Amino acid sequence: MSKPTSLTYKTTNWADYNAALKRRGSLTIWFDPEMNWDAEPSGKRGRSRTFSDAAIQTCLTMKVLFGMALRQTTGFVESLLRLTGLDWVV
């Protein structure tokens, strides 16, 4: 049985190819300023929650997505919030 031939592609427009490779490494993250980062008071006994479920889910998503430890994730999210101009506590 013969080996199947692989398809080869010839790049003819190097400028577009280079721009596409650059866009592939681009990262865009949006933080909605209207988002409730701090938890609402529950009215129950005990220590009140500090962060909302959305804030916790955002941080854990970043942790899993980039394969970081929890402290690294905290620093990463802090730097992202600083870049966006939001003064939320992480």
Protein backbone atom coordinates (compact mmCIF):
# COMPACT_ATOMS: atom_id res chain seq x y z
CA MET A 1 0.00 0.00 0.00
CA SER A 2 1.43 3.37 -0.97
CA LYS A 3 1.82 6.25 1.44
CA PRO A 4 -0.69 9.06 0.84
CA THR A 5 0.86 12.30 -0.33
CA SER A 6 0.48 15.23 2.00
CA LEU A 7 -0.93 18.47 0.70
CA THR A 8 1.52 21.32 0.40
CA TYR A 9 0.49 24.94 0.38
CA LYS A 10 2.48 27.64 -1.32
CA THR A 11 2.27 31.03 0.36
CA THR A 12 2.07 33.76 -2.22
CA ASN A 13 1.20 36.77 -0.06
CA TRP A 14 3.75 36.90 2.76
CA ALA A 15 2.48 40.18 4.19
CA ASP A 16 -1.01 38.76 4.80
CA TYR A 17 0.45 35.51 6.12
CA ASN A 18 2.68 37.38 8.57
CA ALA A 19 -0.24 39.57 9.73
CA ALA A 20 -2.39 36.47 10.28
CA LEU A 21 0.34 34.88 12.41
CA LYS A 22 0.57 38.06 14.51
CA ARG A 23 -3.23 38.13 15.03
CA ARG A 24 -3.10 34.51 16.17
CA GLY A 25 -1.03 35.59 19.18
CA SER A 26 -3.30 38.50 20.06
CA LEU A 27 -5.19 38.38 23.35
CA THR A 28 -8.27 40.44 24.10
CA ILE A 29 -10.08 40.27 27.42
CA TRP A 30 -13.09 42.43 28.26
CA PHE A 31 -14.09 43.37 31.80
CA ASP A 32 -17.52 44.94 32.08
CA PRO A 33 -17.32 47.89 34.51
CA GLU A 34 -20.98 47.25 35.39
CA MET A 35 -20.15 43.73 36.64
CA ASN A 36 -20.69 43.05 40.34
CA TRP A 37 -17.17 42.09 41.45
CA ASP A 38 -17.96 42.36 45.15
CA ALA A 39 -20.46 39.96 46.71
CA GLU A 40 -23.87 41.13 47.83
CA PRO A 41 -24.51 40.81 51.57
CA SER A 42 -26.33 37.56 52.28
CA GLY A 43 -27.93 38.59 55.58
CA LYS A 44 -26.96 35.24 57.13
CA ARG A 45 -24.79 34.60 60.14
CA GLY A 46 -21.07 34.11 59.74
CA ARG A 47 -18.43 35.76 57.67
CA SER A 48 -19.76 37.59 54.67
CA ARG A 49 -18.53 36.69 51.22
CA THR A 50 -15.95 38.99 49.67
CA PHE A 51 -16.29 38.28 45.94
CA SER A 52 -19.23 37.54 43.69
CA ASP A 53 -19.66 34.24 41.88
CA ALA A 54 -18.82 36.00 38.61
CA ALA A 55 -15.49 37.24 40.00
CA ILE A 56 -14.55 33.78 41.28
CA GLN A 57 -15.56 32.15 38.00
CA THR A 58 -13.53 34.71 36.03
CA CYS A 59 -10.38 34.00 38.05
CA LEU A 60 -10.81 30.22 37.91
CA THR A 61 -11.40 30.37 34.16
CA MET A 62 -8.12 32.27 33.71
CA LYS A 63 -6.39 29.71 35.95
CA VAL A 64 -7.54 26.74 33.89
CA LEU A 65 -7.17 28.48 30.53
CA PHE A 66 -3.54 29.45 31.07
CA GLY A 67 -2.56 26.55 33.37
CA MET A 68 -1.40 28.72 36.25
CA ALA A 69 -1.28 28.22 39.99
CA LEU A 70 -3.77 30.18 42.10
CA ARG A 71 -1.27 32.82 43.25
CA GLN A 72 -0.08 33.34 39.68
CA THR A 73 -3.69 33.73 38.61
CA THR A 74 -4.26 36.34 41.31
CA GLY A 75 -1.31 38.38 40.04
CA PHE A 76 -2.39 37.93 36.43
CA VAL A 77 -5.95 39.13 37.09
CA GLU A 78 -4.64 42.03 39.21
CA SER A 79 -2.42 43.15 36.32
CA LEU A 80 -5.29 42.85 33.83
CA LEU A 81 -7.55 44.96 36.04
CA ARG A 82 -4.77 47.51 36.50
CA LEU A 83 -4.35 47.72 32.70
CA THR A 84 -8.07 48.31 32.22
CA GLY A 85 -8.14 51.00 34.91
CA LEU A 86 -10.46 49.14 37.27
CA ASP A 87 -9.62 49.35 40.99
CA TRP A 88 -11.23 46.06 42.02
CA VAL A 89 -9.62 43.96 44.73
CA VAL A 90 -8.53 40.45 43.72
